[in-house]
Protein backbone atom coordinates (compact mmCIF):
# COMPACT_ATOMS: atom_id res chain seq x y z
CA MET A 1 134.66 71.25 68.21
CA ARG A 2 131.60 68.93 68.46
CA ILE A 3 132.12 67.47 72.09
CA GLY A 4 130.04 64.58 73.68
CA PHE A 5 129.76 63.96 77.18
CA ILE A 6 129.20 60.31 78.54
CA SER A 7 128.25 59.23 81.94
CA THR A 8 125.93 57.10 83.73
CA ARG A 9 123.60 59.91 85.02
CA LEU A 10 123.57 63.41 83.79
CA ASN A 11 120.55 64.68 85.99
CA GLY A 12 119.91 65.76 89.48
CA THR A 13 122.29 67.37 92.25
CA ASP A 14 125.11 64.74 92.36
CA GLY A 15 128.57 66.31 91.99
CA VAL A 16 129.09 64.68 88.66
CA SER A 17 125.97 66.06 86.89
CA LEU A 18 126.64 69.58 88.36
CA GLU A 19 130.14 69.66 87.19
CA VAL A 20 129.13 68.65 83.82
CA GLU A 21 126.73 71.39 83.55
CA LYS A 22 129.51 73.78 84.25
CA TRP A 23 131.72 72.22 81.93
CA ALA A 24 128.92 72.48 79.09
CA THR A 25 128.30 76.06 79.95
CA VAL A 26 131.77 77.05 79.55
CA LEU A 27 132.70 74.95 76.54
CA THR A 28 129.44 76.46 74.93
CA ARG A 29 130.81 79.90 75.87
CA MET A 30 134.14 79.16 74.15
CA GLY A 31 132.07 78.38 70.86
CA HIS A 32 131.98 74.48 70.99
CA GLU A 33 128.88 72.43 70.59
CA VAL A 34 128.14 69.95 73.23
CA PHE A 35 125.99 66.81 73.21
CA PHE A 36 125.11 64.46 76.08
CA CYS A 37 124.55 60.63 76.48
CA ALA A 38 123.69 58.65 79.75
CA GLY A 39 121.44 56.31 81.41
CA GLU A 40 119.37 59.05 82.71
CA LEU A 41 118.91 62.57 81.41
CA GLY A 42 117.27 65.84 82.54
CA GLY A 43 117.56 69.39 82.92
CA TYR A 44 120.40 70.87 80.84
CA SER A 45 120.97 67.23 79.28
CA ALA A 46 117.36 66.91 78.32
CA GLY A 47 117.13 65.81 74.66
CA GLY A 48 120.34 64.06 74.72
CA THR A 49 121.04 60.45 73.87
CA LEU A 50 119.30 58.15 76.31
CA ILE A 51 120.78 54.48 76.72
CA PRO A 52 119.09 52.92 79.77
CA GLN A 53 122.04 50.27 80.60
CA LEU A 54 124.46 53.14 81.04
CA HIS A 55 122.67 54.03 84.37
CA PHE A 56 124.37 52.34 87.52
CA ASN A 57 120.69 51.36 88.88
CA HIS A 58 119.86 49.53 85.66
CA GLN A 59 118.78 46.08 87.22
CA SER A 60 121.36 43.97 84.94
CA ILE A 61 124.17 46.48 86.30
CA LEU A 62 123.09 45.97 89.82
CA ALA A 63 123.21 42.25 89.42
CA LEU A 64 126.72 42.42 87.95
CA ASN A 65 127.96 44.77 90.91
CA ARG A 66 126.50 42.57 93.77
CA ARG A 67 128.47 39.51 92.22
CA ALA A 68 131.59 41.85 91.94
CA PHE A 69 131.78 43.56 95.09
CA ASP A 70 129.30 42.55 97.64
CA ASP A 71 130.69 40.37 100.87
CA GLY A 72 128.80 37.16 101.28
CA VAL A 73 127.69 36.93 97.57
CA GLU A 74 129.46 33.88 95.81
CA ALA A 75 130.62 34.36 92.28
CA ASP A 76 132.95 32.78 89.66
CA PRO A 77 135.27 35.56 88.86
CA GLU A 78 135.83 34.04 85.24
CA LYS A 79 132.33 33.67 84.49
CA LEU A 80 131.48 37.30 86.00
CA VAL A 81 134.20 38.76 83.63
CA ASP A 82 132.73 36.70 80.59
CA GLU A 83 129.24 38.34 81.24
CA ILE A 84 130.66 41.86 81.82
CA TYR A 85 132.18 41.71 78.45
CA GLU A 86 129.07 40.43 76.87
CA MET A 87 127.15 43.19 78.29
CA ALA A 88 129.81 45.68 77.06
CA ASP A 89 129.29 44.44 73.48
CA GLU A 90 125.53 45.09 73.85
CA ILE A 91 126.03 48.76 74.74
CA ARG A 92 129.11 49.37 72.52
CA ALA A 93 126.88 49.78 69.36
CA PRO A 94 124.59 52.39 70.64
CA LEU A 95 127.56 54.66 72.22
CA ARG A 96 129.40 54.27 68.78
CA HIS A 97 126.12 55.45 67.01
CA PHE A 98 126.14 58.51 69.37
CA ILE A 99 129.64 59.42 68.60
CA ARG A 100 129.15 58.78 64.99
CA SER A 101 125.82 60.18 64.41
CA ASN A 102 126.76 63.52 66.11
CA ARG A 103 130.09 63.79 64.22
CA LEU A 104 131.97 64.08 67.48
CA ASP A 105 135.45 65.41 67.45
CA LEU A 106 136.08 64.76 71.32
CA ILE A 107 134.28 62.67 74.05
CA ILE A 108 134.48 63.72 77.72
CA VAL A 109 133.86 60.65 79.85
CA GLN A 110 132.71 61.60 83.34
CA ASN A 111 133.53 59.38 85.91
CA ALA A 112 132.52 56.20 84.00
CA LEU A 113 135.94 55.35 83.50
CA THR A 114 137.05 56.12 87.20
CA ILE A 115 134.57 54.43 89.65
CA PRO A 116 133.15 50.78 88.71
CA MET A 117 129.52 51.80 89.20
CA ASN A 118 128.80 50.32 85.93
CA LEU A 119 131.38 47.77 84.76
CA PRO A 120 130.40 47.05 81.41
CA LEU A 121 130.13 50.80 80.60
CA GLY A 122 133.79 51.19 81.42
CA ILE A 123 134.91 48.15 79.29
CA ALA A 124 132.74 49.46 76.42
CA LEU A 125 134.30 52.80 76.48
CA THR A 126 137.95 51.31 76.72
CA GLY A 127 137.47 49.33 73.58
CA LEU A 128 135.37 52.00 71.65
CA ILE A 129 137.95 54.39 72.27
CA ALA A 130 140.82 52.32 71.20
CA GLU A 131 138.65 51.18 68.13
CA LEU A 132 137.94 54.64 67.01
CA GLY A 133 140.98 56.41 68.16
CA ILE A 134 138.94 59.07 69.23
CA SER A 135 140.38 62.20 71.48
CA THR A 136 139.00 61.71 74.96
CA ILE A 137 139.02 63.47 78.39
CA ALA A 138 138.63 61.27 81.20
CA HIS A 139 137.34 63.33 84.07
CA HIS A 140 137.80 61.42 87.25
CA HIS A 141 135.90 62.32 90.49
CA ASP A 142 136.43 59.25 92.64
CA PHE A 143 138.37 56.06 92.01
CA TYR A 144 137.59 52.77 93.11
CA TRP A 145 140.54 52.48 95.44
CA GLU A 146 139.05 55.61 97.41
CA ARG A 147 135.79 53.61 98.31
CA GLU A 148 135.59 50.97 100.92
CA ARG A 149 133.09 48.86 99.18
CA TYR A 150 135.10 48.03 96.14
CA GLN A 151 138.11 46.75 98.21
CA LEU A 152 136.37 43.36 98.04
CA ALA A 153 136.37 43.14 94.53
CA ARG A 154 137.00 39.73 92.65
CA ILE A 155 137.98 41.26 89.43
CA PHE A 156 140.88 43.68 90.22
CA ASP A 157 142.50 42.91 86.73
CA LEU A 158 139.52 43.95 84.91
CA LEU A 159 139.47 47.23 87.16
CA ASP A 160 143.11 47.91 86.37
CA THR A 161 142.27 47.62 82.74
CA ALA A 162 139.31 50.23 82.57
CA PHE A 163 139.20 52.15 85.82
CA PRO A 164 140.75 54.12 84.33
CA ALA A 165 141.82 52.91 80.85
CA LYS A 166 145.48 53.91 79.81
CA LEU A 167 145.12 54.67 76.11
CA PRO A 168 147.21 57.27 73.92
CA THR A 169 144.29 59.17 72.94
CA ILE A 170 142.85 59.78 76.60
CA GLN A 171 143.80 62.84 78.51
CA HIS A 172 143.12 62.39 82.27
CA VAL A 173 141.76 65.01 84.54
CA THR A 174 141.68 64.50 88.46
CA ILE A 175 139.90 67.20 90.81
CA ASN A 176 142.45 67.37 93.38
CA THR A 177 146.22 67.13 93.88
CA ILE A 178 145.82 63.75 96.16
CA ALA A 179 144.01 61.83 93.33
CA GLN A 180 146.56 63.08 90.84
CA ARG A 181 149.44 61.71 92.93
CA ARG A 182 147.86 58.40 93.68
CA LEU A 183 146.83 57.77 89.86
CA LYS A 184 150.27 58.26 89.04
CA ALA A 185 151.78 56.21 91.69
CA ARG A 186 149.05 53.20 91.31
CA ARG A 187 148.96 53.38 87.32
CA GLY A 188 151.57 55.32 86.17
CA ILE A 189 149.01 57.74 84.64
CA ASP A 190 149.68 61.45 84.38
CA SER A 191 146.72 64.02 84.69
CA ILE A 192 146.01 67.53 85.22
CA VAL A 193 144.26 68.95 88.10
CA ILE A 194 141.06 70.79 87.30
CA PRO A 195 139.05 71.76 90.54
CA ASN A 196 135.23 72.07 91.01
CA VAL A 197 134.07 75.78 90.20
CA LEU A 198 131.31 78.07 90.28
CA ASP A 199 130.49 81.24 88.37
CA PHE A 200 131.88 83.46 91.00
CA ALA A 201 131.93 86.54 88.29
CA ASN A 202 128.24 86.47 88.58
CA PRO A 203 126.90 86.22 92.13
CA PRO A 204 123.77 84.16 92.84
CA ARG A 205 120.18 85.41 92.79
CA GLY A 206 119.88 85.28 96.82
CA ILE A 207 116.43 85.65 98.37
CA ASP A 208 113.67 86.32 95.62
CA GLU A 209 109.92 86.11 95.13
CA TYR A 210 110.07 82.42 94.74
CA ASN A 211 112.01 81.20 97.61
CA ALA A 212 111.14 84.16 100.17
CA ASP A 213 108.67 81.89 101.88
CA LEU A 214 111.08 79.17 102.79
CA ARG A 215 111.57 79.72 106.30
CA ASP A 216 107.71 79.82 106.81
CA THR A 217 107.57 76.59 104.96
CA LEU A 218 110.08 75.08 107.36
CA ASP A 219 108.22 76.71 110.17
CA ILE A 220 111.35 78.36 111.22
CA LYS A 221 110.39 81.04 113.92
CA PRO A 222 111.55 84.73 113.94
CA GLY A 223 114.78 84.63 115.73
CA GLU A 224 115.52 81.24 115.33
CA PHE A 225 118.76 79.88 113.65
CA PHE A 226 118.61 78.03 110.18
CA PHE A 227 121.61 75.44 110.57
CA LEU A 228 122.02 73.65 107.24
CA GLN A 229 123.79 70.41 106.11
CA PRO A 230 123.67 70.63 102.31
CA THR A 231 124.67 66.98 101.63
CA ARG A 232 123.44 63.34 101.39
CA VAL A 233 122.96 61.38 104.58
CA ILE A 234 125.97 58.92 104.33
CA ARG A 235 128.72 58.02 106.91
CA ARG A 236 131.53 60.05 105.53
CA LYS A 237 129.68 63.21 105.83
CA GLY A 238 130.32 62.92 109.49
CA ILE A 239 127.02 64.62 110.48
CA GLU A 240 127.22 63.55 114.03
CA LEU A 241 129.84 66.11 114.34
CA ALA A 242 127.19 68.85 113.33
CA LEU A 243 124.79 67.54 116.16
CA GLU A 244 127.45 67.66 118.55
CA LEU A 245 127.88 71.46 117.85
CA LEU A 246 124.65 72.47 117.73
CA HIS A 247 124.21 70.75 121.12
CA ARG A 248 127.15 72.59 122.64
CA LEU A 249 125.91 76.07 121.36
CA ASP A 250 123.44 75.45 124.24
CA LEU A 251 120.39 77.09 122.15
CA PRO A 252 116.74 76.50 122.70
CA ASP A 253 115.52 73.71 120.60
CA PRO A 254 118.25 73.82 117.98
CA CYS A 255 117.51 72.03 114.61
CA LEU A 256 119.75 70.86 111.73
CA TYR A 257 118.27 70.70 108.29
CA ILE A 258 119.64 68.25 105.67
CA THR A 259 118.65 68.67 101.87
CA HIS A 260 119.56 65.38 100.46
CA SER A 261 118.63 61.86 100.50
CA ALA A 262 119.14 59.56 103.64
CA THR A 263 118.80 56.35 101.44
CA ASP A 264 121.65 56.39 99.29
CA GLU A 265 123.80 53.78 101.09
CA GLY A 266 120.94 52.18 103.22
CA VAL A 267 119.40 53.78 106.35
CA ASN A 268 121.58 52.45 109.26
CA TYR A 269 123.53 55.68 109.50
CA TRP A 270 120.30 57.94 109.48
CA ASN A 271 118.70 55.61 112.17
CA TRP A 272 121.78 55.99 114.24
CA LEU A 273 121.73 59.97 113.62
CA ARG A 274 118.30 60.12 114.83
CA ARG A 275 119.13 58.24 117.95
CA GLU A 276 122.06 60.69 118.53
CA ALA A 277 120.02 63.56 117.77
CA ARG A 278 117.59 62.61 120.54
CA ALA A 279 120.31 62.06 122.98
CA MET A 280 121.74 65.48 122.48
CA ARG A 281 118.58 67.40 122.35
CA VAL A 282 118.81 68.55 118.80
CA ARG A 283 116.07 68.30 116.16
CA LEU A 284 117.08 66.66 112.92
CA GLU A 285 114.89 67.57 109.76
CA LEU A 286 115.16 65.85 106.51
CA ILE A 287 113.98 68.41 103.66
CA ASP A 288 115.00 66.39 100.65
CA TYR A 289 111.24 66.04 99.64
CA LEU A 290 111.12 69.94 99.26
CA VAL A 291 114.51 70.29 97.60
CA GLY A 292 115.52 69.47 93.96
CA ALA A 293 117.74 70.25 91.29
CA TYR A 294 115.22 72.84 89.82
CA ARG A 295 112.28 74.71 90.93
CA GLY A 296 108.95 73.28 90.21
CA ARG A 297 106.02 71.29 91.73
CA GLU A 298 105.91 67.65 92.79
CA ASN A 299 103.29 65.70 94.83
CA GLY A 300 101.06 68.90 94.96
CA HIS A 301 103.75 71.12 96.81
CA LYS A 302 106.55 73.31 95.96
CA ILE A 303 109.82 72.23 95.22
CA TYR A 304 112.88 74.48 95.79
CA ALA A 305 116.13 74.36 94.12
CA VAL A 306 119.17 73.54 96.38
CA TRP A 307 120.23 77.38 95.74
CA ASP A 308 117.25 78.37 97.11
CA VAL A 309 118.08 77.13 100.45
CA TYR A 310 121.49 78.49 101.09
CA PRO A 311 120.48 82.17 101.31
CA HIS A 312 118.34 81.61 104.38
CA ALA A 313 120.98 79.54 106.08
CA ASP A 314 122.59 81.31 109.26
CA LEU A 315 125.38 78.69 109.34
CA ILE A 316 126.48 75.79 106.93
CA THR A 317 127.84 72.67 108.49
CA TYR A 318 130.39 70.52 106.44
CA PRO A 319 131.99 68.01 108.63
CA SER A 320 133.02 65.67 106.09
CA LYS A 321 135.60 62.98 106.84
CA TYR A 322 136.34 62.75 103.05
CA GLU A 323 135.54 64.46 99.88
CA GLY A 324 136.70 64.20 96.35
CA PHE A 325 136.61 68.07 96.33
CA GLY A 326 133.70 69.56 98.05
CA ASN A 327 130.81 71.20 95.94
CA ALA A 328 128.79 72.18 98.92
CA LEU A 329 131.82 73.87 100.53
CA LEU A 330 132.28 75.89 97.23
CA GLU A 331 128.46 76.77 97.10
CA ALA A 332 128.31 77.99 100.69
CA VAL A 333 131.16 80.44 99.81
CA TYR A 334 129.28 81.50 96.57
CA PHE A 335 126.11 82.39 98.84
CA LYS A 336 128.49 84.01 101.39
CA ARG A 337 127.41 81.95 104.23
CA PRO A 338 129.68 81.16 107.24
CA VAL A 339 130.98 77.49 107.41
CA VAL A 340 131.99 74.98 109.89
CA VAL A 341 134.35 72.43 107.85
CA ASN A 342 136.13 69.36 108.94
CA ARG A 343 139.65 69.30 107.73
CA TYR A 344 139.17 66.40 105.35
CA PRO A 345 142.35 65.46 103.31
CA VAL A 346 141.50 67.27 100.10
CA TYR A 347 140.46 70.33 102.28
CA ASN A 348 143.99 70.22 103.89
CA ALA A 349 145.77 69.79 100.53
CA ASP A 350 144.04 72.02 97.97
CA ILE A 351 141.69 74.51 99.75
CA GLY A 352 142.38 75.24 103.15
CA PRO A 353 146.08 76.66 102.48
CA LEU A 354 144.55 79.39 99.93
CA GLY A 355 143.53 81.35 102.99
CA PHE A 356 139.67 80.86 103.53
CA GLU A 357 138.37 81.75 106.86
CA PHE A 358 136.02 78.93 108.05
CA VAL A 359 135.47 77.42 111.53
CA GLU A 360 137.81 74.38 111.13
CA LEU A 361 137.25 70.75 113.09
CA ASP A 362 140.06 68.29 113.18
CA GLY A 363 137.72 65.36 113.41
CA PHE A 364 136.02 66.66 116.87
CA VAL A 365 134.27 69.61 118.08
CA ASP A 366 136.29 71.68 120.57
CA ASP A 367 135.69 74.66 122.67
CA ALA A 368 137.41 76.98 120.19
CA ALA A 369 134.93 76.01 117.44
CA VAL A 370 131.95 76.29 119.56
CA LYS A 371 133.12 79.95 120.73
CA LYS A 372 133.97 80.89 117.05
CA VAL A 373 130.61 79.78 115.80
CA GLN A 374 128.76 81.61 118.90
CA GLU A 375 130.76 84.75 117.79
CA LEU A 376 129.55 84.32 114.09
CA LEU A 377 125.95 83.82 115.07
CA SER A 378 126.04 87.22 117.20
CA ASN A 379 128.02 89.30 114.97
CA PRO A 380 126.61 89.92 111.46
CA ASP A 381 129.11 92.24 110.55
CA TYR A 382 131.87 89.92 111.11
CA VAL A 383 129.98 87.34 108.99
CA ARG A 384 129.89 89.77 106.10
CA GLU A 385 133.69 90.41 106.53
CA ILE A 386 134.78 86.91 106.42
CA THR A 387 132.20 85.85 103.74
CA GLU A 388 133.32 88.48 101.42
CA HIS A 389 136.86 87.45 102.02
CA ASN A 390 136.10 83.93 101.13
CA TYR A 391 134.22 84.84 98.05
CA GLU A 392 137.06 86.80 96.64
CA ILE A 393 139.66 83.77 97.19
CA ALA A 394 137.03 81.69 95.33
CA ARG A 395 136.86 83.92 92.56
CA GLU A 396 140.54 83.78 92.02
CA TYR A 397 141.05 79.92 92.22
CA PHE A 398 137.51 78.36 91.52
CA SER A 399 135.70 80.42 88.89
CA PHE A 400 134.45 79.71 85.46
CA GLU A 401 137.26 81.85 84.16
CA VAL A 402 139.71 79.46 85.78
CA LEU A 403 138.06 76.50 84.07
CA GLU A 404 137.87 78.22 80.61
CA HIS A 405 141.79 78.81 80.95
CA LYS A 406 142.36 75.24 81.78
CA LEU A 407 140.15 73.66 79.49
CA ARG A 408 141.81 75.86 76.54
CA ASP A 409 145.05 74.48 77.61
CA LEU A 410 143.68 70.92 77.54
CA LEU A 411 142.03 71.03 74.33
CA ALA A 412 145.18 72.38 72.83
CA THR A 413 146.94 69.29 73.51
CA PHE A 414 144.51 67.34 71.05
CA ALA A 415 145.56 69.69 68.27
CA SER A 416 149.23 69.44 68.68
């Protein structure tokens, strides 16, 4: 089959872009041809069809979103809906050209029919899918009702039209069982669950010539522990729990290294974290200027891929309050690193019951968690034992082979 991926952005280290690369890899391995269309392209999607207005950061899209969702911004809902449909008409033609010029048999819409970060794109896709009758997989990562920002929406009728659209040619995919149940309850839409995956049949490269100097670059002294928070700095990541844990470990000058941006949802949370870190006598280092999606050079210095950082870490902190699934948690297992995880809802539903051995938090840092981390830091044999155990569980439930099996079954529904 000739399969086209459509999204707002297909580049970088966000969860959607990462999962698209995995799906594209598996689909290609299965013998299909894949094509890409987004408002930002790069890496695996370079050479695809670029339509700038598909990006959620396009100025016209940002302006519409402010009027639709921001508290304190006045907007006439009827006029706003008219403008959304007008812009949808503008982007429908290039989308149609992408589908027809590549002679696509199937499109996979990645989160663009799920979360309303680009309202005209959702409307345009809904109309286009209905017009062409094209077979479609709508891959849903996070719904608007799961995000606080969208609860002030002035256009709920529009949201329930296109986010997600309910059409006979669309097969819906959710990434966890909670989302599956809520989609059915709210919209009467059935879906299949395909979790996030990694290539557990092929272990990662680990420490090599390129990344061997990372600890020196970060000025981590011999004998010092490398505590890694491999996420963005946003409130739902619960990073204050990681700070409290490091404080209670009673180590000399502990430091928490964070790999991703601190500005995605403003800087208030980051500024508060820095004050908390000073009070707890924990250093907080943002290393997003050194870490990217791929290796390379930027502004005269070396850029490490995210996967260059994991092998050096002594402990991964993942104290999220909410996640759609948990890519960084899977990555920590893939690199056989010990993990501290907060028991967020999807973890409780779909991950924890499988038998992983993590240090678990229940919204706070207790004595048992501190003691367990101290044991991990002092016992490398124990770390090897539990990380090997975790790797085998993940290979059974979250591998490329699992994804291939589920995709075969899903694609077969379009042929029936």
